[in-house]
Amino acid sequence: MNSEQLVQMANRIAAFFAAMPEHAEAVDGVAGHIRKFWEPRMREQLGALIGSGDTAALHPLVLEAWEQVAVRA
């Protein structure tokens, strides 16, 4: 999957969970979705993208959630 598609998918997930009443619940929702439903290679690609610092196109919830995903990886 190319990076643009990955970012688009992550941002859609974040937009869905952004509607949650509690910010922490939204972050947990994004992290949980990525952990449960994304293939390891997709998580690795997202981690590499975030690690490269090329994060301007990512929703802020994705970046916050990644901290949880990376810890459990």
C-alpha atoms as a PDB file:
ATOM      1  CA  MET A   1       0.000   0.000   0.000  1.00  0.00           C
ATOM      2  CA  ASN A   2       1.410   3.396  -0.836  1.00  0.00           C
ATOM      3  CA  SER A   3       1.898   6.026   1.851  1.00  0.00           C
ATOM      4  CA  GLU A   4      -0.849   8.273   0.534  1.00  0.00           C
ATOM      5  CA  GLN A   5      -3.429   5.490   0.836  1.00  0.00           C
ATOM      6  CA  LEU A   6      -2.190   4.595   4.304  1.00  0.00           C
ATOM      7  CA  VAL A   7      -2.462   8.203   5.491  1.00  0.00           C
ATOM      8  CA  GLN A   8      -5.918   8.505   3.979  1.00  0.00           C
ATOM      9  CA  MET A   9      -7.082   5.341   5.734  1.00  0.00           C
ATOM     10  CA  ALA A  10      -5.592   6.393   9.086  1.00  0.00           C
ATOM     11  CA  ASN A  11      -7.183   9.818   8.794  1.00  0.00           C
ATOM     12  CA  ARG A  12     -10.606   8.304   8.094  1.00  0.00           C
ATOM     13  CA  ILE A  13     -10.307   6.208  11.238  1.00  0.00           C
ATOM     14  CA  ALA A  14      -9.275   9.284  13.217  1.00  0.00           C
ATOM     15  CA  ALA A  15     -12.172  11.324  11.812  1.00  0.00           C
ATOM     16  CA  PHE A  16     -14.599   8.631  12.927  1.00  0.00           C
ATOM     17  CA  PHE A  17     -13.245   8.471  16.470  1.00  0.00           C
ATOM     18  CA  ALA A  18     -12.879  12.262  16.734  1.00  0.00           C
ATOM     19  CA  ALA A  19     -16.636  12.381  17.318  1.00  0.00           C
ATOM     20  CA  MET A  20     -16.210  10.631  20.677  1.00  0.00           C
ATOM     21  CA  PRO A  21     -17.126  12.845  23.632  1.00  0.00           C
ATOM     22  CA  GLU A  22     -13.837  12.233  25.460  1.00  0.00           C
ATOM     23  CA  HIS A  23     -10.502  12.922  23.776  1.00  0.00           C
ATOM     24  CA  ALA A  24      -8.808  10.004  25.533  1.00  0.00           C
ATOM     25  CA  GLU A  25     -11.561   7.694  24.293  1.00  0.00           C
ATOM     26  CA  ALA A  26     -10.931   8.886  20.738  1.00  0.00           C
ATOM     27  CA  VAL A  27      -7.189   8.247  21.019  1.00  0.00           C
ATOM     28  CA  ASP A  28      -7.811   4.800  22.493  1.00  0.00           C
ATOM     29  CA  GLY A  29     -10.287   4.034  19.706  1.00  0.00           C
ATOM     30  CA  VAL A  30      -7.828   4.907  16.962  1.00  0.00           C
ATOM     31  CA  ALA A  31      -5.027   2.943  18.643  1.00  0.00           C
ATOM     32  CA  GLY A  32      -7.278  -0.060  19.226  1.00  0.00           C
ATOM     33  CA  HIS A  33      -8.480  -0.093  15.635  1.00  0.00           C
ATOM     34  CA  ILE A  34      -4.953   0.048  14.244  1.00  0.00           C
ATOM     35  CA  ARG A  35      -3.786  -2.723  16.597  1.00  0.00           C
ATOM     36  CA  LYS A  36      -6.753  -5.007  15.913  1.00  0.00           C
ATOM     37  CA  PHE A  37      -7.445  -4.546  12.235  1.00  0.00           C
ATOM     38  CA  TRP A  38      -4.255  -3.424  10.504  1.00  0.00           C
ATOM     39  CA  GLU A  39      -1.794  -5.995   9.214  1.00  0.00           C
ATOM     40  CA  PRO A  40       1.677  -5.865  10.775  1.00  0.00           C
ATOM     41  CA  ARG A  41       3.180  -4.548   7.549  1.00  0.00           C
ATOM     42  CA  MET A  42       0.667  -1.667   7.512  1.00  0.00           C
ATOM     43  CA  ARG A  43       1.575  -0.808  11.116  1.00  0.00           C
ATOM     44  CA  GLU A  44       5.263  -0.996  10.210  1.00  0.00           C
ATOM     45  CA  GLN A  45       4.732   1.319   7.251  1.00  0.00           C
ATOM     46  CA  LEU A  46       2.826   3.814   9.401  1.00  0.00           C
ATOM     47  CA  GLY A  47       5.560   3.658  12.027  1.00  0.00           C
ATOM     48  CA  ALA A  48       8.231   4.298   9.411  1.00  0.00           C
ATOM     49  CA  LEU A  49       6.263   7.244   8.048  1.00  0.00           C
ATOM     50  CA  ILE A  50       5.864   8.759  11.503  1.00  0.00           C
ATOM     51  CA  GLY A  51       9.491   8.005  12.322  1.00  0.00           C
ATOM     52  CA  SER A  52      10.613   9.864   9.211  1.00  0.00           C
ATOM     53  CA  GLY A  53       8.900  12.992  10.487  1.00  0.00           C
ATOM     54  CA  ASP A  54       6.671  13.228   7.413  1.00  0.00           C
ATOM     55  CA  THR A  55       3.527  13.676   9.500  1.00  0.00           C
ATOM     56  CA  ALA A  56       1.982  16.887   8.159  1.00  0.00           C
ATOM     57  CA  ALA A  57      -0.816  15.008   6.393  1.00  0.00           C
ATOM     58  CA  LEU A  58      -1.725  12.845   9.399  1.00  0.00           C
ATOM     59  CA  HIS A  59      -4.629  13.682  11.690  1.00  0.00           C
ATOM     60  CA  PRO A  60      -3.361  14.607  15.193  1.00  0.00           C
ATOM     61  CA  LEU A  61      -5.328  11.690  16.693  1.00  0.00           C
ATOM     62  CA  VAL A  62      -3.300   9.267  14.582  1.00  0.00           C
ATOM     63  CA  LEU A  63      -0.078  10.671  15.980  1.00  0.00           C
ATOM     64  CA  GLU A  64      -1.329  10.463  19.562  1.00  0.00           C
ATOM     65  CA  ALA A  65      -2.662   6.951  19.032  1.00  0.00           C
ATOM     66  CA  TRP A  66       0.605   5.827  17.488  1.00  0.00           C
ATOM     67  CA  GLU A  67       2.328   6.384  20.840  1.00  0.00           C
ATOM     68  CA  GLN A  68       0.070   3.661  22.287  1.00  0.00           C
ATOM     69  CA  VAL A  69       0.416   1.357  19.297  1.00  0.00           C
ATOM     70  CA  ALA A  70       4.221   1.655  19.215  1.00  0.00           C
ATOM     71  CA  VAL A  71       4.520   0.824  22.912  1.00  0.00           C
ATOM     72  CA  ARG A  72       2.597  -2.421  22.450  1.00  0.00           C
ATOM     73  CA  ALA A  73       4.273  -3.357  19.190  1.00  0.00           C
END
